[in-house]
Amino acid sequence: MITSQQLRAARALLGLDQRQLAELAGVSLPTIQRMEASGGQVRGVVDTLVKVVSALEAAGIELLGENAASSGLGRGVRLRETAAGRGRGPRTNVTVLFDRKPDASDDDNAA
């Protein structure tokens, strides 16, 4: 349903702290803390998981399963598999902070 990594990423995209997410979902702060601390797939009471996922979706988060296509528009984040496997390899991936790649003329404008 949702992984702890997805939960933390979704909360970060929304700019929420754990307490704010707990309030939005109608669950306790320790529940959110436990969910985020779990490894891999979040386990718990189904009703609680549904509350948290529903709160995230209502706030604009689209949760993507393994190999799922995104049906929405807008920005997002997806962990891709690397040559080292499952996104756990060395941190050599390029981070792009803008919608386009910088070109040589950007270096001239930066001075």
N, C-alpha and C. Protein backbone atom coordinates (compact mmCIF):
# COMPACT_ATOMS: atom_id res chain seq x y z
N MET A 1 0.83 -1.19 0.00
CA MET A 1 0.00 0.00 0.00
C MET A 1 0.88 1.26 0.00
N ILE A 2 1.72 1.45 0.99
CA ILE A 2 2.62 2.59 1.07
C ILE A 2 3.87 2.17 1.84
N THR A 3 5.01 2.67 1.41
CA THR A 3 6.25 2.36 2.13
C THR A 3 6.59 3.52 3.06
N SER A 4 7.46 3.25 4.00
CA SER A 4 7.90 4.30 4.92
C SER A 4 8.63 5.41 4.16
N GLN A 5 9.36 5.03 3.12
CA GLN A 5 10.06 6.02 2.31
C GLN A 5 9.07 6.91 1.57
N GLN A 6 8.01 6.33 1.02
CA GLN A 6 6.97 7.13 0.35
C GLN A 6 6.30 8.07 1.33
N LEU A 7 6.05 7.60 2.52
CA LEU A 7 5.39 8.41 3.54
C LEU A 7 6.24 9.63 3.89
N ARG A 8 7.53 9.40 4.13
CA ARG A 8 8.41 10.53 4.46
C ARG A 8 8.54 11.50 3.29
N ALA A 9 8.65 10.96 2.07
CA ALA A 9 8.77 11.81 0.89
C ALA A 9 7.50 12.62 0.66
N ALA A 10 6.36 11.99 0.82
CA ALA A 10 5.08 12.69 0.63
C ALA A 10 4.94 13.82 1.64
N ARG A 11 5.29 13.54 2.87
CA ARG A 11 5.20 14.56 3.92
C ARG A 11 6.14 15.72 3.61
N ALA A 12 7.33 15.40 3.13
CA ALA A 12 8.30 16.45 2.79
C ALA A 12 7.81 17.29 1.61
N LEU A 13 7.22 16.66 0.60
CA LEU A 13 6.69 17.41 -0.55
C LEU A 13 5.59 18.38 -0.12
N LEU A 14 4.83 17.99 0.87
CA LEU A 14 3.75 18.86 1.36
C LEU A 14 4.24 19.90 2.36
N GLY A 15 5.48 19.73 2.82
CA GLY A 15 6.02 20.66 3.81
C GLY A 15 5.39 20.49 5.18
N LEU A 16 5.01 19.27 5.50
CA LEU A 16 4.36 18.98 6.79
C LEU A 16 5.34 18.31 7.74
N ASP A 17 5.19 18.61 9.01
CA ASP A 17 5.94 17.83 10.00
C ASP A 17 5.05 16.65 10.41
N GLN A 18 5.59 15.77 11.22
CA GLN A 18 4.85 14.57 11.59
C GLN A 18 3.56 14.91 12.35
N ARG A 19 3.62 15.89 13.20
CA ARG A 19 2.44 16.29 13.98
C ARG A 19 1.33 16.79 13.06
N GLN A 20 1.68 17.59 12.07
CA GLN A 20 0.68 18.11 11.14
C GLN A 20 0.03 17.00 10.33
N LEU A 21 0.83 16.03 9.88
CA LEU A 21 0.26 14.90 9.15
C LEU A 21 -0.66 14.10 10.05
N ALA A 22 -0.27 13.88 11.29
CA ALA A 22 -1.11 13.14 12.23
C ALA A 22 -2.46 13.84 12.40
N GLU A 23 -2.44 15.17 12.52
CA GLU A 23 -3.69 15.93 12.67
C GLU A 23 -4.55 15.82 11.41
N LEU A 24 -3.93 15.94 10.23
CA LEU A 24 -4.67 15.83 8.97
C LEU A 24 -5.34 14.46 8.83
N ALA A 25 -4.62 13.43 9.25
CA ALA A 25 -5.12 12.06 9.09
C ALA A 25 -6.02 11.62 10.24
N GLY A 26 -6.02 12.37 11.34
CA GLY A 26 -6.83 11.97 12.48
C GLY A 26 -6.26 10.78 13.23
N VAL A 27 -4.92 10.71 13.26
CA VAL A 27 -4.24 9.64 14.01
C VAL A 27 -3.26 10.29 14.98
N SER A 28 -2.67 9.49 15.83
CA SER A 28 -1.75 10.04 16.83
C SER A 28 -0.35 10.26 16.23
N LEU A 29 0.39 11.16 16.86
CA LEU A 29 1.77 11.41 16.45
C LEU A 29 2.62 10.15 16.55
N PRO A 30 2.54 9.38 17.66
CA PRO A 30 3.33 8.14 17.72
C PRO A 30 3.02 7.16 16.59
N THR A 31 1.79 7.18 16.08
CA THR A 31 1.43 6.31 14.97
C THR A 31 2.21 6.69 13.72
N ILE A 32 2.26 8.00 13.42
CA ILE A 32 3.02 8.47 12.25
C ILE A 32 4.50 8.16 12.45
N GLN A 33 5.02 8.37 13.64
CA GLN A 33 6.43 8.10 13.93
C GLN A 33 6.75 6.62 13.70
N ARG A 34 5.87 5.74 14.17
CA ARG A 34 6.08 4.29 13.97
C ARG A 34 6.02 3.93 12.49
N MET A 35 5.08 4.52 11.78
CA MET A 35 4.93 4.21 10.35
C MET A 35 6.19 4.63 9.59
N GLU A 36 6.70 5.81 9.89
CA GLU A 36 7.89 6.29 9.19
C GLU A 36 9.16 5.54 9.60
N ALA A 37 9.18 5.01 10.79
CA ALA A 37 10.37 4.30 11.27
C ALA A 37 10.42 2.85 10.77
N SER A 38 9.29 2.34 10.30
CA SER A 38 9.27 0.96 9.83
C SER A 38 10.08 0.86 8.54
N GLY A 39 10.61 -0.29 8.29
CA GLY A 39 11.38 -0.50 7.06
C GLY A 39 10.49 -1.05 5.97
N GLY A 40 10.57 -0.49 4.80
CA GLY A 40 9.79 -1.01 3.67
C GLY A 40 8.31 -0.73 3.80
N GLN A 41 7.50 -1.74 3.49
CA GLN A 41 6.05 -1.59 3.50
C GLN A 41 5.55 -1.27 4.90
N VAL A 42 4.72 -0.22 5.02
CA VAL A 42 4.17 0.16 6.32
C VAL A 42 3.09 -0.84 6.68
N ARG A 43 3.18 -1.35 7.89
CA ARG A 43 2.18 -2.29 8.39
C ARG A 43 1.45 -1.64 9.55
N GLY A 44 0.22 -2.01 9.69
CA GLY A 44 -0.57 -1.48 10.79
C GLY A 44 -2.04 -1.79 10.59
N VAL A 45 -2.86 -1.16 11.39
CA VAL A 45 -4.29 -1.32 11.28
C VAL A 45 -4.74 -0.73 9.95
N VAL A 46 -5.50 -1.48 9.19
CA VAL A 46 -5.91 -1.05 7.85
C VAL A 46 -6.61 0.29 7.89
N ASP A 47 -7.49 0.50 8.87
CA ASP A 47 -8.22 1.76 8.98
C ASP A 47 -7.26 2.94 9.15
N THR A 48 -6.21 2.74 9.92
CA THR A 48 -5.21 3.80 10.14
C THR A 48 -4.45 4.09 8.86
N LEU A 49 -4.04 3.05 8.15
CA LEU A 49 -3.34 3.23 6.88
C LEU A 49 -4.21 3.98 5.88
N VAL A 50 -5.47 3.63 5.82
CA VAL A 50 -6.41 4.29 4.91
C VAL A 50 -6.55 5.77 5.26
N LYS A 51 -6.61 6.09 6.55
CA LYS A 51 -6.71 7.49 6.98
C LYS A 51 -5.49 8.29 6.53
N VAL A 52 -4.32 7.73 6.69
CA VAL A 52 -3.09 8.44 6.33
C VAL A 52 -2.99 8.60 4.82
N VAL A 53 -3.24 7.54 4.07
CA VAL A 53 -3.18 7.61 2.61
C VAL A 53 -4.24 8.59 2.09
N SER A 54 -5.43 8.55 2.63
CA SER A 54 -6.50 9.46 2.21
C SER A 54 -6.13 10.91 2.48
N ALA A 55 -5.52 11.17 3.62
CA ALA A 55 -5.10 12.54 3.96
C ALA A 55 -4.03 13.03 2.99
N LEU A 56 -3.08 12.16 2.66
CA LEU A 56 -2.04 12.54 1.70
C LEU A 56 -2.63 12.80 0.32
N GLU A 57 -3.53 11.94 -0.11
CA GLU A 57 -4.14 12.11 -1.43
C GLU A 57 -5.00 13.37 -1.48
N ALA A 58 -5.73 13.66 -0.41
CA ALA A 58 -6.55 14.87 -0.36
C ALA A 58 -5.69 16.13 -0.41
N ALA A 59 -4.45 16.02 0.07
CA ALA A 59 -3.52 17.16 0.07
C ALA A 59 -2.78 17.28 -1.25
N GLY A 60 -3.00 16.33 -2.18
CA GLY A 60 -2.41 16.45 -3.51
C GLY A 60 -1.32 15.44 -3.84
N ILE A 61 -1.10 14.48 -2.99
CA ILE A 61 -0.06 13.47 -3.23
C ILE A 61 -0.63 12.34 -4.06
N GLU A 62 0.13 11.90 -5.06
CA GLU A 62 -0.21 10.73 -5.85
C GLU A 62 0.80 9.65 -5.50
N LEU A 63 0.36 8.60 -4.87
CA LEU A 63 1.24 7.50 -4.50
C LEU A 63 1.35 6.54 -5.67
N LEU A 64 2.58 6.22 -6.04
CA LEU A 64 2.84 5.34 -7.18
C LEU A 64 3.39 4.01 -6.71
N GLY A 65 2.80 2.95 -7.18
CA GLY A 65 3.30 1.62 -6.87
C GLY A 65 4.46 1.26 -7.79
N GLU A 66 5.05 0.14 -7.53
CA GLU A 66 6.17 -0.36 -8.34
C GLU A 66 5.75 -0.46 -9.80
N ASN A 67 6.50 0.17 -10.70
CA ASN A 67 6.27 0.16 -12.13
C ASN A 67 4.95 0.78 -12.57
N ALA A 68 4.31 1.57 -11.69
CA ALA A 68 3.03 2.20 -12.05
C ALA A 68 3.27 3.48 -12.82
N ALA A 69 2.39 3.74 -13.76
CA ALA A 69 2.46 4.99 -14.51
C ALA A 69 1.72 6.08 -13.73
N SER A 70 2.17 7.29 -13.87
CA SER A 70 1.51 8.41 -13.22
C SER A 70 0.41 8.92 -14.15
N SER A 71 -0.77 9.11 -13.61
CA SER A 71 -1.89 9.57 -14.43
C SER A 71 -2.11 11.07 -14.29
N GLY A 72 -1.44 11.70 -13.36
CA GLY A 72 -1.68 13.11 -13.11
C GLY A 72 -0.65 14.02 -13.74
N LEU A 73 -0.89 15.29 -13.58
CA LEU A 73 0.04 16.31 -14.05
C LEU A 73 0.73 16.91 -12.83
N GLY A 74 1.81 17.60 -13.07
CA GLY A 74 2.51 18.26 -11.97
C GLY A 74 3.84 17.61 -11.69
N ARG A 75 4.53 18.21 -10.77
CA ARG A 75 5.85 17.71 -10.40
C ARG A 75 5.73 16.54 -9.45
N GLY A 76 6.78 15.76 -9.38
CA GLY A 76 6.76 14.62 -8.48
C GLY A 76 8.14 14.02 -8.32
N VAL A 77 8.20 12.95 -7.57
CA VAL A 77 9.46 12.28 -7.30
C VAL A 77 9.22 10.79 -7.45
N ARG A 78 10.16 10.14 -8.07
CA ARG A 78 10.11 8.69 -8.19
C ARG A 78 11.52 8.16 -7.98
N LEU A 79 11.67 7.16 -7.16
CA LEU A 79 12.95 6.51 -6.96
C LEU A 79 13.14 5.51 -8.09
N ARG A 80 14.19 5.71 -8.87
CA ARG A 80 14.42 4.80 -9.98
C ARG A 80 15.50 3.80 -9.62
N GLU A 81 15.47 2.69 -10.29
CA GLU A 81 16.48 1.67 -10.08
C GLU A 81 17.78 2.12 -10.73
N THR A 82 18.88 1.97 -10.02
CA THR A 82 20.19 2.35 -10.54
C THR A 82 20.93 1.10 -10.99
N ALA A 83 22.09 1.30 -11.59
CA ALA A 83 22.91 0.17 -12.00
C ALA A 83 23.29 -0.69 -10.80
N ALA A 84 23.44 -0.04 -9.63
CA ALA A 84 23.77 -0.77 -8.41
C ALA A 84 22.53 -1.45 -7.83
N GLY A 85 21.36 -1.13 -8.37
CA GLY A 85 20.12 -1.78 -7.93
C GLY A 85 19.34 -0.96 -6.93
N ARG A 86 18.07 -0.91 -7.15
CA ARG A 86 17.08 -0.37 -6.23
C ARG A 86 17.40 0.98 -5.59
N GLY A 87 18.12 1.83 -6.22
CA GLY A 87 18.34 3.17 -5.69
C GLY A 87 19.25 3.22 -4.48
N ARG A 88 19.94 2.13 -4.18
CA ARG A 88 20.78 2.10 -2.99
C ARG A 88 22.27 2.23 -3.31
N GLY A 89 22.56 2.52 -4.56
CA GLY A 89 23.96 2.59 -4.98
C GLY A 89 24.63 3.86 -4.50
N PRO A 90 25.87 4.06 -4.91
CA PRO A 90 26.58 5.27 -4.53
C PRO A 90 25.85 6.50 -5.02
N ARG A 91 25.98 7.59 -4.32
CA ARG A 91 25.27 8.83 -4.64
C ARG A 91 25.96 9.57 -5.79
N THR A 92 25.89 8.98 -6.98
CA THR A 92 26.52 9.61 -8.13
C THR A 92 25.49 10.17 -9.10
N ASN A 93 24.21 10.07 -8.76
CA ASN A 93 23.16 10.58 -9.64
C ASN A 93 23.21 12.10 -9.67
N VAL A 94 22.94 12.65 -10.83
CA VAL A 94 22.90 14.10 -10.98
C VAL A 94 21.57 14.59 -10.43
N THR A 95 21.60 15.66 -9.67
CA THR A 95 20.39 16.27 -9.16
C THR A 95 20.06 17.48 -10.01
N VAL A 96 18.86 17.52 -10.53
CA VAL A 96 18.42 18.64 -11.34
C VAL A 96 17.42 19.45 -10.53
N LEU A 97 17.71 20.72 -10.32
CA LEU A 97 16.84 21.56 -9.50
C LEU A 97 15.90 22.41 -10.32
N PHE A 98 16.08 22.42 -11.62
CA PHE A 98 15.28 23.26 -12.49
C PHE A 98 14.66 22.41 -13.59
N ASP A 99 13.75 23.00 -14.35
CA ASP A 99 13.07 22.27 -15.41
C ASP A 99 13.93 22.05 -16.64
N ARG A 100 15.10 22.64 -16.70
CA ARG A 100 15.97 22.47 -17.84
C ARG A 100 17.39 22.28 -17.36
N LYS A 101 18.19 21.71 -18.23
CA LYS A 101 19.60 21.54 -17.90
C LYS A 101 20.31 22.86 -18.08
N PRO A 102 21.23 23.21 -17.16
CA PRO A 102 21.99 24.44 -17.37
C PRO A 102 22.91 24.29 -18.57
N ASP A 103 23.10 25.38 -19.31
CA ASP A 103 24.03 25.32 -20.42
C ASP A 103 25.18 26.27 -20.17
N ALA A 104 26.11 26.33 -21.09
CA ALA A 104 27.32 27.13 -20.90
C ALA A 104 27.00 28.60 -20.71
N SER A 105 25.94 29.11 -21.33
CA SER A 105 25.61 30.52 -21.19
C SER A 105 25.18 30.86 -19.78
N ASP A 106 24.66 29.88 -19.03
CA ASP A 106 24.30 30.12 -17.63
C ASP A 106 25.52 30.46 -16.80
N ASP A 107 26.66 29.85 -17.13
CA ASP A 107 27.89 30.15 -16.40
C ASP A 107 28.29 31.60 -16.60
N ASP A 108 28.09 32.12 -17.82
CA ASP A 108 28.44 33.50 -18.11
C ASP A 108 27.54 34.47 -17.36
N ASN A 109 26.26 34.10 -17.18
CA ASN A 109 25.31 34.97 -16.50
C ASN A 109 25.45 34.95 -15.00
N ALA A 110 26.10 33.92 -14.48
CA ALA A 110 26.21 33.77 -13.03
C ALA A 110 27.18 34.75 -12.42
N ALA A 111 28.15 35.24 -13.18
CA ALA A 111 29.18 36.12 -12.63
C ALA A 111 28.68 37.50 -12.36
